[in-house]
Each structure stands twice: as C-alpha cells, then as structure tokens.
C-alpha cells in the first residue's frame, strides 16, 4: 500500500507541475488535471488489486504438505496465500506476536478460522 501511495504522490506532483497557460483557461485546465488524476488513481488501484491476486495465486503453489512456515506479523496478502494453499496442502504456521500492536494474533485468528494450525511466538 505504501508503494502505491508513493507512486500516486509522484503522479500528483507531476500533474501539478503542469503549467496553466492563461487565466481564461485556468479553470478548464484544473478540471482536466483533476480528471487525469482520477483516471490514474483508478488505474493504479486496479493494478494493485491485479498484482496482489497474481502474487497470491503463484505463491500458494510453493506451499506443500508438511511444511512449517514462519510468518512475521499480519499481512492480508500473506493471509490469503496461506488460506488458498490450505485448500490443497496441510501445513503449520508459526507467527510472531509483532508487538506493539500484536498483529500476529490477528493473523492467528484468521488462519485458525480457515482450519490452519497456528502457533504464536
């Protein structure tokens, strides 16, 4: 998410650096910049979702029966990879607490709901 926000901030900076040619056209040009940014933001969001889905699909194929996986904290992408992999493989997960927010316990709860054995360390 941070990388996508950084890219979008760069896009905003680039669009805002465009010169407004005359005061008569300023309003029209500002509306065009706004429209361009909205389109770029939508495109970036679509790409982020598509990339996340591809990572989940490909990564889950590497998880086989009998593996023990060590995971740090919580990630929705990692959660989805493990849940997807659990449909075809049986494995164990060790997850770190990830203080101060104890994100590891969030992942534990989600994975256990999907029938995956999880231990928090």
PDB file of N, CA and C in Angstrom:
ATOM      1  N   UNK A   1       0.830  -1.194   0.000  1.00  0.00           N
ATOM      2  CA  UNK A   1       0.000   0.000   0.000  1.00  0.00           C
ATOM      3  C   UNK A   1       0.871   1.253   0.000  1.00  0.00           C
ATOM      4  N   UNK A   2       1.945   1.217   0.795  1.00  0.00           N
ATOM      5  CA  UNK A   2       2.830   2.384   0.869  1.00  0.00           C
ATOM      6  C   UNK A   2       3.443   2.686  -0.495  1.00  0.00           C
ATOM      7  N   UNK A   3       3.863   1.642  -1.207  1.00  0.00           N
ATOM      8  CA  UNK A   3       4.468   1.845  -2.528  1.00  0.00           C
ATOM      9  C   UNK A   3       3.456   2.459  -3.499  1.00  0.00           C
ATOM     10  N   UNK A   4       2.218   1.987  -3.449  1.00  0.00           N
ATOM     11  CA  UNK A   4       1.180   2.529  -4.330  1.00  0.00           C
ATOM     12  C   UNK A   4       0.905   3.996  -4.009  1.00  0.00           C
ATOM     13  N   UNK A   5       0.900   4.334  -2.720  1.00  0.00           N
ATOM     14  CA  UNK A   5       0.697   5.732  -2.316  1.00  0.00           C
ATOM     15  C   UNK A   5       1.855   6.608  -2.782  1.00  0.00           C
ATOM     16  N   UNK A   6       3.072   6.092  -2.693  1.00  0.00           N
ATOM     17  CA  UNK A   6       4.230   6.848  -3.158  1.00  0.00           C
ATOM     18  C   UNK A   6       4.149   7.113  -4.654  1.00  0.00           C
ATOM     19  N   UNK A   7       3.743   6.102  -5.410  1.00  0.00           N
ATOM     20  CA  UNK A   7       3.598   6.269  -6.864  1.00  0.00           C
ATOM     21  C   UNK A   7       2.529   7.312  -7.162  1.00  0.00           C
ATOM     22  N   UNK A   8       1.399   7.234  -6.449  1.00  0.00           N
ATOM     23  CA  UNK A   8       0.328   8.190  -6.692  1.00  0.00           C
ATOM     24  C   UNK A   8       0.757   9.606  -6.308  1.00  0.00           C
ATOM     25  N   UNK A   9       1.489   9.752  -5.215  1.00  0.00           N
ATOM     26  CA  UNK A   9       2.010  11.073  -4.841  1.00  0.00           C
ATOM     27  C   UNK A   9       2.919  11.631  -5.934  1.00  0.00           C
ATOM     28  N   UNK A  10       3.720  10.762  -6.523  1.00  0.00           N
ATOM     29  CA  UNK A  10       4.579  11.194  -7.634  1.00  0.00           C
ATOM     30  C   UNK A  10       3.718  11.669  -8.811  1.00  0.00           C
ATOM     31  N   UNK A  11       2.657  10.928  -9.101  1.00  0.00           N
ATOM     32  CA  UNK A  11       1.749  11.320 -10.188  1.00  0.00           C
ATOM     33  C   UNK A  11       1.113  12.677  -9.904  1.00  0.00           C
ATOM     34  N   UNK A  12       0.725  12.894  -8.656  1.00  0.00           N
ATOM     35  CA  UNK A  12       0.118  14.174  -8.276  1.00  0.00           C
ATOM     36  C   UNK A  12       1.114  15.306  -8.500  1.00  0.00           C
ATOM     37  N   UNK A  13       2.347  15.100  -8.028  1.00  0.00           N
ATOM     38  CA  UNK A  13       3.378  16.126  -8.215  1.00  0.00           C
ATOM     39  C   UNK A  13       3.628  16.442  -9.675  1.00  0.00           C
ATOM     40  N   UNK A  14       3.656  15.408 -10.485  1.00  0.00           N
ATOM     41  CA  UNK A  14       3.885  15.597 -11.921  1.00  0.00           C
ATOM     42  C   UNK A  14       2.733  16.374 -12.567  1.00  0.00           C
ATOM     43  N   UNK A  15       1.503  16.006 -12.201  1.00  0.00           N
ATOM     44  CA  UNK A  15       0.337  16.705 -12.764  1.00  0.00           C
ATOM     45  C   UNK A  15       0.281  18.154 -12.301  1.00  0.00           C
ATOM     46  N   UNK A  16       0.588  18.394 -11.040  1.00  0.00           N
ATOM     47  CA  UNK A  16       0.503  19.751 -10.508  1.00  0.00           C
ATOM     48  C   UNK A  16       1.618  20.653 -11.037  1.00  0.00           C
ATOM     49  N   UNK A  17       2.673  20.043 -11.558  1.00  0.00           N
ATOM     50  CA  UNK A  17       3.760  20.853 -12.106  1.00  0.00           C
ATOM     51  C   UNK A  17       3.453  21.339 -13.522  1.00  0.00           C
ATOM     52  N   UNK A  18       2.339  20.841 -14.092  1.00  0.00           N
ATOM     53  CA  UNK A  18       1.942  21.325 -15.421  1.00  0.00           C
ATOM     54  C   UNK A  18       1.605  22.800 -15.332  1.00  0.00           C
ATOM     55  N   UNK A  19       2.029  23.545 -16.303  1.00  0.00           N
ATOM     56  CA  UNK A  19       1.791  24.994 -16.327  1.00  0.00           C
ATOM     57  C   UNK A  19       0.390  25.301 -16.849  1.00  0.00           C
ATOM     58  N   UNK A  20      -0.261  26.227 -16.183  1.00  0.00           N
ATOM     59  CA  UNK A  20      -1.538  26.742 -16.666  1.00  0.00           C
ATOM     60  C   UNK A  20      -1.192  27.858 -17.635  1.00  0.00           C
ATOM     61  N   UNK A  21      -1.668  27.748 -18.885  1.00  0.00           N
ATOM     62  CA  UNK A  21      -1.224  28.655 -19.946  1.00  0.00           C
ATOM     63  C   UNK A  21      -1.800  30.061 -19.860  1.00  0.00           C
ATOM     64  N   UNK A  22      -3.064  30.206 -19.532  1.00  0.00           N
ATOM     65  CA  UNK A  22      -3.637  31.542 -19.413  1.00  0.00           C
ATOM     66  C   UNK A  22      -4.751  31.527 -18.379  1.00  0.00           C
ATOM     67  N   UNK A  23      -5.055  32.702 -17.846  1.00  0.00           N
ATOM     68  CA  UNK A  23      -6.068  32.775 -16.796  1.00  0.00           C
ATOM     69  C   UNK A  23      -7.451  32.385 -17.304  1.00  0.00           C
ATOM     70  N   UNK A  24      -7.733  32.598 -18.604  1.00  0.00           N
ATOM     71  CA  UNK A  24      -9.035  32.239 -19.166  1.00  0.00           C
ATOM     72  C   UNK A  24      -9.227  30.721 -19.175  1.00  0.00           C
ATOM     73  N   UNK A  25      -8.149  29.998 -19.403  1.00  0.00           N
ATOM     74  CA  UNK A  25      -8.234  28.546 -19.492  1.00  0.00           C
ATOM     75  C   UNK A  25      -7.894  27.855 -18.178  1.00  0.00           C
ATOM     76  N   UNK A  26      -7.605  28.601 -17.149  1.00  0.00           N
ATOM     77  CA  UNK A  26      -7.143  28.014 -15.885  1.00  0.00           C
ATOM     78  C   UNK A  26      -8.163  27.046 -15.302  1.00  0.00           C
ATOM     79  N   UNK A  27      -9.400  27.448 -15.257  1.00  0.00           N
ATOM     80  CA  UNK A  27     -10.434  26.586 -14.684  1.00  0.00           C
ATOM     81  C   UNK A  27     -10.549  25.292 -15.470  1.00  0.00           C
ATOM     82  N   UNK A  28     -10.535  25.387 -16.779  1.00  0.00           N
ATOM     83  CA  UNK A  28     -10.638  24.204 -17.637  1.00  0.00           C
ATOM     84  C   UNK A  28      -9.423  23.284 -17.449  1.00  0.00           C
ATOM     85  N   UNK A  29      -8.248  23.868 -17.350  1.00  0.00           N
ATOM     86  CA  UNK A  29      -7.037  23.071 -17.175  1.00  0.00           C
ATOM     87  C   UNK A  29      -7.009  22.398 -15.806  1.00  0.00           C
ATOM     88  N   UNK A  30      -7.485  23.092 -14.791  1.00  0.00           N
ATOM     89  CA  UNK A  30      -7.545  22.497 -13.457  1.00  0.00           C
ATOM     90  C   UNK A  30      -8.513  21.319 -13.453  1.00  0.00           C
ATOM     91  N   UNK A  31      -9.647  21.454 -14.115  1.00  0.00           N
ATOM     92  CA  UNK A  31     -10.598  20.349 -14.217  1.00  0.00           C
ATOM     93  C   UNK A  31      -9.991  19.166 -14.971  1.00  0.00           C
ATOM     94  N   UNK A  32      -9.190  19.463 -16.003  1.00  0.00           N
ATOM     95  CA  UNK A  32      -8.536  18.400 -16.764  1.00  0.00           C
ATOM     96  C   UNK A  32      -7.501  17.669 -15.901  1.00  0.00           C
ATOM     97  N   UNK A  33      -6.742  18.427 -15.117  1.00  0.00           N
ATOM     98  CA  UNK A  33      -5.761  17.823 -14.211  1.00  0.00           C
ATOM     99  C   UNK A  33      -6.479  16.919 -13.207  1.00  0.00           C
ATOM    100  N   UNK A  34      -7.591  17.403 -12.667  1.00  0.00           N
ATOM    101  CA  UNK A  34      -8.363  16.618 -11.703  1.00  0.00           C
ATOM    102  C   UNK A  34      -8.857  15.316 -12.343  1.00  0.00           C
ATOM    103  N   UNK A  35      -9.366  15.411 -13.560  1.00  0.00           N
ATOM    104  CA  UNK A  35      -9.851  14.229 -14.275  1.00  0.00           C
ATOM    105  C   UNK A  35      -8.710  13.246 -14.558  1.00  0.00           C
ATOM    106  N   UNK A  36      -7.558  13.770 -14.982  1.00  0.00           N
ATOM    107  CA  UNK A  36      -6.387  12.920 -15.259  1.00  0.00           C
ATOM    108  C   UNK A  36      -5.933  12.195 -13.993  1.00  0.00           C
ATOM    109  N   UNK A  37      -5.912  12.904 -12.871  1.00  0.00           N
ATOM    110  CA  UNK A  37      -5.502  12.274 -11.609  1.00  0.00           C
ATOM    111  C   UNK A  37      -6.490  11.192 -11.177  1.00  0.00           C
ATOM    112  N   UNK A  38      -7.751  11.436 -11.359  1.00  0.00           N
ATOM    113  CA  UNK A  38      -8.755  10.430 -11.001  1.00  0.00           C
ATOM    114  C   UNK A  38      -8.576   9.172 -11.842  1.00  0.00           C
ATOM    115  N   UNK A  39      -8.330   9.336 -13.138  1.00  0.00           N
ATOM    116  CA  UNK A  39      -8.111   8.182 -14.020  1.00  0.00           C
ATOM    117  C   UNK A  39      -6.851   7.415 -13.618  1.00  0.00           C
ATOM    118  N   UNK A  40      -5.780   8.148 -13.323  1.00  0.00           N
ATOM    119  CA  UNK A  40      -4.533   7.496 -12.926  1.00  0.00           C
ATOM    120  C   UNK A  40      -4.680   6.781 -11.593  1.00  0.00           C
ATOM    121  N   UNK A  41      -5.430   7.369 -10.678  1.00  0.00           N
ATOM    122  CA  UNK A  41      -5.673   6.726  -9.394  1.00  0.00           C
ATOM    123  C   UNK A  41      -6.462   5.438  -9.544  1.00  0.00           C
ATOM    124  N   UNK A  42      -7.484   5.458 -10.398  1.00  0.00           N
ATOM    125  CA  UNK A  42      -8.271   4.257 -10.654  1.00  0.00           C
ATOM    126  C   UNK A  42      -7.411   3.173 -11.297  1.00  0.00           C
ATOM    127  N   UNK A  43      -6.567   3.564 -12.248  1.00  0.00           N
ATOM    128  CA  UNK A  43      -5.676   2.607 -12.909  1.00  0.00           C
ATOM    129  C   UNK A  43      -4.717   1.989 -11.897  1.00  0.00           C
ATOM    130  N   UNK A  44      -4.147   2.813 -11.037  1.00  0.00           N
ATOM    131  CA  UNK A  44      -3.208   2.333 -10.032  1.00  0.00           C
ATOM    132  C   UNK A  44      -3.896   1.358  -9.063  1.00  0.00           C
ATOM    133  N   UNK A  45      -5.113   1.670  -8.669  1.00  0.00           N
ATOM    134  CA  UNK A  45      -5.860   0.779  -7.773  1.00  0.00           C
ATOM    135  C   UNK A  45      -6.146  -0.560  -8.450  1.00  0.00           C
ATOM    136  N   UNK A  46      -6.521  -0.534  -9.727  1.00  0.00           N
ATOM    137  CA  UNK A  46      -6.775  -1.767 -10.473  1.00  0.00           C
ATOM    138  C   UNK A  46      -5.512  -2.612 -10.573  1.00  0.00           C
ATOM    139  N   UNK A  47      -4.384  -1.959 -10.845  1.00  0.00           N
ATOM    140  CA  UNK A  47      -3.116  -2.678 -10.948  1.00  0.00           C
ATOM    141  C   UNK A  47      -2.712  -3.290  -9.612  1.00  0.00           C
ATOM    142  N   UNK A  48      -2.922  -2.577  -8.528  1.00  0.00           N
ATOM    143  CA  UNK A  48      -2.578  -3.087  -7.202  1.00  0.00           C
ATOM    144  C   UNK A  48      -3.377  -4.349  -6.887  1.00  0.00           C
ATOM    145  N   UNK A  49      -4.660  -4.324  -7.195  1.00  0.00           N
ATOM    146  CA  UNK A  49      -5.510  -5.496  -6.955  1.00  0.00           C
ATOM    147  C   UNK A  49      -5.066  -6.659  -7.825  1.00  0.00           C
ATOM    148  N   UNK A  50      -4.801  -6.393  -9.087  1.00  0.00           N
ATOM    149  CA  UNK A  50      -4.368  -7.439 -10.015  1.00  0.00           C
ATOM    150  C   UNK A  50      -3.050  -8.062  -9.575  1.00  0.00           C
ATOM    151  N   UNK A  51      -2.096  -7.234  -9.166  1.00  0.00           N
ATOM    152  CA  UNK A  51      -0.795  -7.741  -8.722  1.00  0.00           C
ATOM    153  C   UNK A  51      -0.941  -8.576  -7.461  1.00  0.00           C
ATOM    154  N   UNK A  52      -1.754  -8.110  -6.528  1.00  0.00           N
ATOM    155  CA  UNK A  52      -1.981  -8.842  -5.286  1.00  0.00           C
ATOM    156  C   UNK A  52      -2.560 -10.225  -5.585  1.00  0.00           C
ATOM    157  N   UNK A  53      -3.528 -10.282  -6.494  1.00  0.00           N
ATOM    158  CA  UNK A  53      -4.148 -11.562  -6.845  1.00  0.00           C
ATOM    159  C   UNK A  53      -3.143 -12.505  -7.502  1.00  0.00           C
ATOM    160  N   UNK A  54      -2.283 -11.971  -8.377  1.00  0.00           N
ATOM    161  CA  UNK A  54      -1.273 -12.812  -9.028  1.00  0.00           C
ATOM    162  C   UNK A  54      -0.257 -13.335  -8.024  1.00  0.00           C
ATOM    163  N   UNK A  55       0.184 -12.485  -7.096  1.00  0.00           N
ATOM    164  CA  UNK A  55       1.134 -12.919  -6.066  1.00  0.00           C
ATOM    165  C   UNK A  55       0.511 -14.039  -5.243  1.00  0.00           C
ATOM    166  N   UNK A  56      -0.737 -13.876  -4.844  1.00  0.00           N
ATOM    167  CA  UNK A  56      -1.420 -14.883  -4.043  1.00  0.00           C
ATOM    168  C   UNK A  56      -1.526 -16.203  -4.796  1.00  0.00           C
ATOM    169  N   UNK A  57      -1.866 -16.149  -6.067  1.00  0.00           N
ATOM    170  CA  UNK A  57      -2.018 -17.353  -6.867  1.00  0.00           C
ATOM    171  C   UNK A  57      -0.692 -18.097  -7.008  1.00  0.00           C
ATOM    172  N   UNK A  58       0.357 -17.386  -7.366  1.00  0.00           N
ATOM    173  CA  UNK A  58       1.647 -18.032  -7.593  1.00  0.00           C
ATOM    174  C   UNK A  58       2.310 -18.478  -6.298  1.00  0.00           C
ATOM    175  N   UNK A  59       2.235 -17.679  -5.258  1.00  0.00           N
ATOM    176  CA  UNK A  59       2.913 -18.012  -4.000  1.00  0.00           C
ATOM    177  C   UNK A  59       2.296 -19.238  -3.335  1.00  0.00           C
ATOM    178  N   UNK A  60       0.997 -19.376  -3.417  1.00  0.00           N
ATOM    179  CA  UNK A  60       0.337 -20.508  -2.755  1.00  0.00           C
ATOM    180  C   UNK A  60       0.772 -21.840  -3.350  1.00  0.00           C
ATOM    181  N   UNK A  61       1.270 -21.837  -4.577  1.00  0.00           N
ATOM    182  CA  UNK A  61       1.706 -23.067  -5.235  1.00  0.00           C
ATOM    183  C   UNK A  61       3.000 -23.616  -4.638  1.00  0.00           C
ATOM    184  N   UNK A  62       3.738 -22.799  -3.894  1.00  0.00           N
ATOM    185  CA  UNK A  62       5.003 -23.231  -3.317  1.00  0.00           C
ATOM    186  C   UNK A  62       4.841 -23.873  -1.937  1.00  0.00           C
ATOM    187  N   UNK A  63       3.653 -23.843  -1.402  1.00  0.00           N
ATOM    188  CA  UNK A  63       3.408 -24.387  -0.071  1.00  0.00           C
ATOM    189  C   UNK A  63       2.922 -25.824  -0.218  1.00  0.00           C
ATOM    190  N   UNK A  64       3.692 -26.762   0.372  1.00  0.00           N
ATOM    191  CA  UNK A  64       3.395 -28.186   0.237  1.00  0.00           C
ATOM    192  C   UNK A  64       3.044 -28.809   1.597  1.00  0.00           C
ATOM    193  N   UNK A  65       2.527 -30.020   1.514  1.00  0.00           N
ATOM    194  CA  UNK A  65       2.204 -30.775   2.730  1.00  0.00           C
ATOM    195  C   UNK A  65       3.422 -30.897   3.636  1.00  0.00           C
ATOM    196  N   UNK A  66       3.182 -30.747   4.927  1.00  0.00           N
ATOM    197  CA  UNK A  66       4.213 -30.975   5.919  1.00  0.00           C
ATOM    198  C   UNK A  66       5.110 -29.789   6.218  1.00  0.00           C
ATOM    199  N   UNK A  67       4.985 -28.710   5.494  1.00  0.00           N
ATOM    200  CA  UNK A  67       5.833 -27.538   5.744  1.00  0.00           C
ATOM    201  C   UNK A  67       5.423 -26.847   7.041  1.00  0.00           C
ATOM    202  N   UNK A  68       6.412 -26.219   7.664  1.00  0.00           N
ATOM    203  CA  UNK A  68       6.153 -25.300   8.768  1.00  0.00           C
ATOM    204  C   UNK A  68       6.664 -23.939   8.321  1.00  0.00           C
ATOM    205  N   UNK A  69       5.786 -22.962   8.334  1.00  0.00           N
ATOM    206  CA  UNK A  69       6.109 -21.625   7.839  1.00  0.00           C
ATOM    207  C   UNK A  69       6.201 -20.638   8.993  1.00  0.00           C
ATOM    208  N   UNK A  70       7.221 -19.797   8.954  1.00  0.00           N
ATOM    209  CA  UNK A  70       7.379 -18.738   9.944  1.00  0.00           C
ATOM    210  C   UNK A  70       6.948 -17.423   9.304  1.00  0.00           C
ATOM    211  N   UNK A  71       6.006 -16.752   9.947  1.00  0.00           N
ATOM    212  CA  UNK A  71       5.458 -15.509   9.416  1.00  0.00           C
ATOM    213  C   UNK A  71       5.600 -14.428  10.482  1.00  0.00           C
ATOM    214  N   UNK A  72       5.964 -13.232  10.056  1.00  0.00           N
ATOM    215  CA  UNK A  72       6.086 -12.117  10.994  1.00  0.00           C
ATOM    216  C   UNK A  72       4.871 -11.200  10.867  1.00  0.00           C
ATOM    217  N   UNK A  73       4.119 -11.073  11.954  1.00  0.00           N
ATOM    218  CA  UNK A  73       3.025 -10.110  11.984  1.00  0.00           C
ATOM    219  C   UNK A  73       1.847 -10.501  11.123  1.00  0.00           C
ATOM    220  N   UNK A  74       1.181  -9.477  10.569  1.00  0.00           N
ATOM    221  CA  UNK A  74      -0.032  -9.692   9.793  1.00  0.00           C
ATOM    222  C   UNK A  74       0.076  -9.011   8.442  1.00  0.00           C
ATOM    223  N   UNK A  75      -0.344  -9.734   7.439  1.00  0.00           N
ATOM    224  CA  UNK A  75      -0.453  -9.193   6.086  1.00  0.00           C
ATOM    225  C   UNK A  75      -1.664  -9.856   5.441  1.00  0.00           C
ATOM    226  N   UNK A  76      -2.544  -9.062   4.864  1.00  0.00           N
ATOM    227  CA  UNK A  76      -3.722  -9.606   4.195  1.00  0.00           C
ATOM    228  C   UNK A  76      -3.306 -10.493   3.028  1.00  0.00           C
ATOM    229  N   UNK A  77      -2.253 -10.102   2.314  1.00  0.00           N
ATOM    230  CA  UNK A  77      -1.771 -10.901   1.189  1.00  0.00           C
ATOM    231  C   UNK A  77      -1.263 -12.248   1.692  1.00  0.00           C
ATOM    232  N   UNK A  78      -0.452 -12.236   2.745  1.00  0.00           N
ATOM    233  CA  UNK A  78       0.063 -13.493   3.306  1.00  0.00           C
ATOM    234  C   UNK A  78      -1.092 -14.348   3.817  1.00  0.00           C
ATOM    235  N   UNK A  79      -2.037 -13.724   4.475  1.00  0.00           N
ATOM    236  CA  UNK A  79      -3.213 -14.470   4.940  1.00  0.00           C
ATOM    237  C   UNK A  79      -3.896 -15.173   3.777  1.00  0.00           C
ATOM    238  N   UNK A  80      -4.137 -14.448   2.700  1.00  0.00           N
ATOM    239  CA  UNK A  80      -4.824 -15.021   1.545  1.00  0.00           C
ATOM    240  C   UNK A  80      -4.003 -16.124   0.880  1.00  0.00           C
ATOM    241  N   UNK A  81      -2.685 -15.958   0.836  1.00  0.00           N
ATOM    242  CA  UNK A  81      -1.814 -17.004   0.276  1.00  0.00           C
ATOM    243  C   UNK A  81      -1.969 -18.287   1.090  1.00  0.00           C
ATOM    244  N   UNK A  82      -1.906 -18.159   2.406  1.00  0.00           N
ATOM    245  CA  UNK A  82      -1.977 -19.335   3.267  1.00  0.00           C
ATOM    246  C   UNK A  82      -3.352 -19.994   3.220  1.00  0.00           C
ATOM    247  N   UNK A  83      -4.394 -19.200   3.192  1.00  0.00           N
ATOM    248  CA  UNK A  83      -5.749 -19.755   3.100  1.00  0.00           C
ATOM    249  C   UNK A  83      -5.922 -20.484   1.766  1.00  0.00           C
ATOM    250  N   UNK A  84      -5.442 -19.887   0.682  1.00  0.00           N
ATOM    251  CA  UNK A  84      -5.521 -20.526  -0.636  1.00  0.00           C
ATOM    252  C   UNK A  84      -4.745 -21.842  -0.638  1.00  0.00           C
ATOM    253  N   UNK A  85      -3.543 -21.827  -0.071  1.00  0.00           N
ATOM    254  CA  UNK A  85      -2.703 -23.024  -0.041  1.00  0.00           C
ATOM    255  C   UNK A  85      -3.330 -24.121   0.821  1.00  0.00           C
ATOM    256  N   UNK A  86      -4.075 -23.731   1.847  1.00  0.00           N
ATOM    257  CA  UNK A  86      -4.669 -24.727   2.747  1.00  0.00           C
ATOM    258  C   UNK A  86      -5.747 -25.558   2.052  1.00  0.00           C
ATOM    259  N   UNK A  87      -6.198 -25.121   0.916  1.00  0.00           N
ATOM    260  CA  UNK A  87      -7.208 -25.880   0.173  1.00  0.00           C
ATOM    261  C   UNK A  87      -6.626 -27.131  -0.462  1.00  0.00           C
ATOM    262  N   UNK A  88      -5.302 -27.121  -0.686  1.00  0.00           N
ATOM    263  CA  UNK A  88      -4.662 -28.270  -1.330  1.00  0.00           C
ATOM    264  C   UNK A  88      -3.536 -28.885  -0.509  1.00  0.00           C
ATOM    265  N   UNK A  89      -3.106 -28.217   0.561  1.00  0.00           N
ATOM    266  CA  UNK A  89      -1.977 -28.699   1.359  1.00  0.00           C
ATOM    267  C   UNK A  89      -2.282 -28.578   2.845  1.00  0.00           C
ATOM    268  N   UNK A  90      -1.591 -29.411   3.638  1.00  0.00           N
ATOM    269  CA  UNK A  90      -1.677 -29.330   5.088  1.00  0.00           C
ATOM    270  C   UNK A  90      -0.312 -28.907   5.610  1.00  0.00           C
ATOM    271  N   UNK A  91      -0.288 -27.828   6.359  1.00  0.00           N
ATOM    272  CA  UNK A  91       0.965 -27.258   6.853  1.00  0.00           C
ATOM    273  C   UNK A  91       0.697 -26.553   8.169  1.00  0.00           C
ATOM    274  N   UNK A  92       1.783 -26.175   8.848  1.00  0.00           N
ATOM    275  CA  UNK A  92       1.686 -25.448  10.115  1.00  0.00           C
ATOM    276  C   UNK A  92       2.278 -24.054   9.930  1.00  0.00           C
ATOM    277  N   UNK A  93       1.797 -23.140  10.736  1.00  0.00           N
ATOM    278  CA  UNK A  93       2.299 -21.767  10.683  1.00  0.00           C
ATOM    279  C   UNK A  93       2.731 -21.350  12.086  1.00  0.00           C
ATOM    280  N   UNK A  94       3.909 -20.763  12.153  1.00  0.00           N
ATOM    281  CA  UNK A  94       4.375 -20.113  13.372  1.00  0.00           C
ATOM    282  C   UNK A  94       4.388 -18.622  13.045  1.00  0.00           C
ATOM    283  N   UNK A  95       3.706 -17.835  13.860  1.00  0.00           N
ATOM    284  CA  UNK A  95       3.624 -16.399  13.606  1.00  0.00           C
ATOM    285  C   UNK A  95       4.148 -15.636  14.822  1.00  0.00           C
ATOM    286  N   UNK A  96       4.904 -14.583  14.561  1.00  0.00           N
ATOM    287  CA  UNK A  96       5.419 -13.757  15.658  1.00  0.00           C
ATOM    288  C   UNK A  96       4.309 -12.854  16.190  1.00  0.00           C
ATOM    289  N   UNK A  97       4.427 -12.501  17.474  1.00  0.00           N
ATOM    290  CA  UNK A  97       3.441 -11.600  18.083  1.00  0.00           C
ATOM    291  C   UNK A  97       3.352 -10.278  17.328  1.00  0.00           C
ATOM    292  N   UNK A  98       4.507  -9.757  16.946  1.00  0.00           N
ATOM    293  CA  UNK A  98       4.601  -8.472  16.235  1.00  0.00           C
ATOM    294  C   UNK A  98       4.104  -7.314  17.100  1.00  0.00           C
ATOM    295  N   UNK A  99       4.776  -7.125  18.198  1.00  0.00           N
ATOM    296  CA  UNK A  99       4.436  -6.014  19.091  1.00  0.00           C
ATOM    297  C   UNK A  99       4.835  -4.689  18.470  1.00  0.00           C
ATOM    298  N   UNK A 100       4.224  -3.574  18.793  1.00  0.00           N
ATOM    299  CA  UNK A 100       3.322  -3.342  19.913  1.00  0.00           C
ATOM    300  C   UNK A 100       1.853  -3.604  19.594  1.00  0.00           C
ATOM    301  N   UNK A 101       1.504  -3.842  18.335  1.00  0.00           N
ATOM    302  CA  UNK A 101       0.085  -3.993  18.012  1.00  0.00           C
ATOM    303  C   UNK A 101      -0.409  -5.435  18.027  1.00  0.00           C
ATOM    304  N   UNK A 102       0.489  -6.383  18.329  1.00  0.00           N
ATOM    305  CA  UNK A 102       0.114  -7.796  18.396  1.00  0.00           C
ATOM    306  C   UNK A 102      -0.565  -8.298  17.127  1.00  0.00           C
ATOM    307  N   UNK A 103      -0.058  -7.862  15.989  1.00  0.00           N
ATOM    308  CA  UNK A 103      -0.648  -8.228  14.702  1.00  0.00           C
ATOM    309  C   UNK A 103      -0.617  -9.733  14.455  1.00  0.00           C
ATOM    310  N   UNK A 104       0.328 -10.419  15.069  1.00  0.00           N
ATOM    311  CA  UNK A 104       0.402 -11.869  14.903  1.00  0.00           C
ATOM    312  C   UNK A 104      -0.845 -12.576  15.404  1.00  0.00           C
ATOM    313  N   UNK A 105      -1.458 -12.043  16.444  1.00  0.00           N
ATOM    314  CA  UNK A 105      -2.678 -12.649  16.973  1.00  0.00           C
ATOM    315  C   UNK A 105      -3.853 -12.463  16.000  1.00  0.00           C
ATOM    316  N   UNK A 106      -3.839 -11.376  15.261  1.00  0.00           N
ATOM    317  CA  UNK A 106      -4.880 -11.160  14.240  1.00  0.00           C
ATOM    318  C   UNK A 106      -4.759 -12.225  13.162  1.00  0.00           C
ATOM    319  N   UNK A 107      -3.516 -12.457  12.709  1.00  0.00           N
ATOM    320  CA  UNK A 107      -3.293 -13.481  11.684  1.00  0.00           C
ATOM    321  C   UNK A 107      -3.666 -14.855  12.215  1.00  0.00           C
ATOM    322  N   UNK A 108      -3.300 -15.136  13.453  1.00  0.00           N
ATOM    323  CA  UNK A 108      -3.634 -16.430  14.067  1.00  0.00           C
ATOM    324  C   UNK A 108      -5.136 -16.670  14.017  1.00  0.00           C
ATOM    325  N   UNK A 109      -5.903 -15.684  14.418  1.00  0.00           N
ATOM    326  CA  UNK A 109      -7.365 -15.810  14.435  1.00  0.00           C
ATOM    327  C   UNK A 109      -7.911 -16.098  13.036  1.00  0.00           C
ATOM    328  N   UNK A 110      -7.424 -15.367  12.045  1.00  0.00           N
ATOM    329  CA  UNK A 110      -7.912 -15.539  10.671  1.00  0.00           C
ATOM    330  C   UNK A 110      -7.532 -16.908  10.108  1.00  0.00           C
ATOM    331  N   UNK A 111      -6.296 -17.336  10.359  1.00  0.00           N
ATOM    332  CA  UNK A 111      -5.840 -18.617   9.827  1.00  0.00           C
ATOM    333  C   UNK A 111      -6.534 -19.786  10.518  1.00  0.00           C
ATOM    334  N   UNK A 112      -6.724 -19.690  11.813  1.00  0.00           N
ATOM    335  CA  UNK A 112      -7.429 -20.758  12.517  1.00  0.00           C
ATOM    336  C   UNK A 112      -8.872 -20.877  12.035  1.00  0.00           C
ATOM    337  N   UNK A 113      -9.486 -19.765  11.686  1.00  0.00           N
ATOM    338  CA  UNK A 113     -10.849 -19.799  11.144  1.00  0.00           C
ATOM    339  C   UNK A 113     -10.892 -20.555   9.815  1.00  0.00           C
ATOM    340  N   UNK A 114      -9.749 -20.588   9.112  1.00  0.00           N
ATOM    341  CA  UNK A 114      -9.651 -21.306   7.837  1.00  0.00           C
ATOM    342  C   UNK A 114      -9.165 -22.746   8.037  1.00  0.00           C
ATOM    343  N   UNK A 115      -8.984 -23.153   9.300  1.00  0.00           N
ATOM    344  CA  UNK A 115      -8.589 -24.520   9.584  1.00  0.00           C
ATOM    345  C   UNK A 115      -7.089 -24.782   9.540  1.00  0.00           C
ATOM    346  N   UNK A 116      -6.288 -23.737   9.650  1.00  0.00           N
ATOM    347  CA  UNK A 116      -4.831 -23.866   9.606  1.00  0.00           C
ATOM    348  C   UNK A 116      -4.307 -23.854  11.032  1.00  0.00           C
ATOM    349  N   UNK A 117      -3.387 -24.780  11.332  1.00  0.00           N
ATOM    350  CA  UNK A 117      -2.777 -24.831  12.660  1.00  0.00           C
ATOM    351  C   UNK A 117      -1.752 -23.707  12.785  1.00  0.00           C
ATOM    352  N   UNK A 118      -1.891 -22.911  13.879  1.00  0.00           N
ATOM    353  CA  UNK A 118      -1.042 -21.735  14.064  1.00  0.00           C
ATOM    354  C   UNK A 118      -0.536 -21.693  15.498  1.00  0.00           C
ATOM    355  N   UNK A 119       0.717 -21.337  15.631  1.00  0.00           N
ATOM    356  CA  UNK A 119       1.319 -21.113  16.955  1.00  0.00           C
ATOM    357  C   UNK A 119       1.913 -19.707  16.950  1.00  0.00           C
ATOM    358  N   UNK A 120       1.665 -18.943  17.999  1.00  0.00           N
ATOM    359  CA  UNK A 120       2.224 -17.589  18.140  1.00  0.00           C
ATOM    360  C   UNK A 120       3.434 -17.665  19.055  1.00  0.00           C
ATOM    361  N   UNK A 121       4.528 -17.020  18.626  1.00  0.00           N
ATOM    362  CA  UNK A 121       5.720 -16.949  19.466  1.00  0.00           C
ATOM    363  C   UNK A 121       6.056 -15.495  19.753  1.00  0.00           C
TER     364      UNK A 121
END
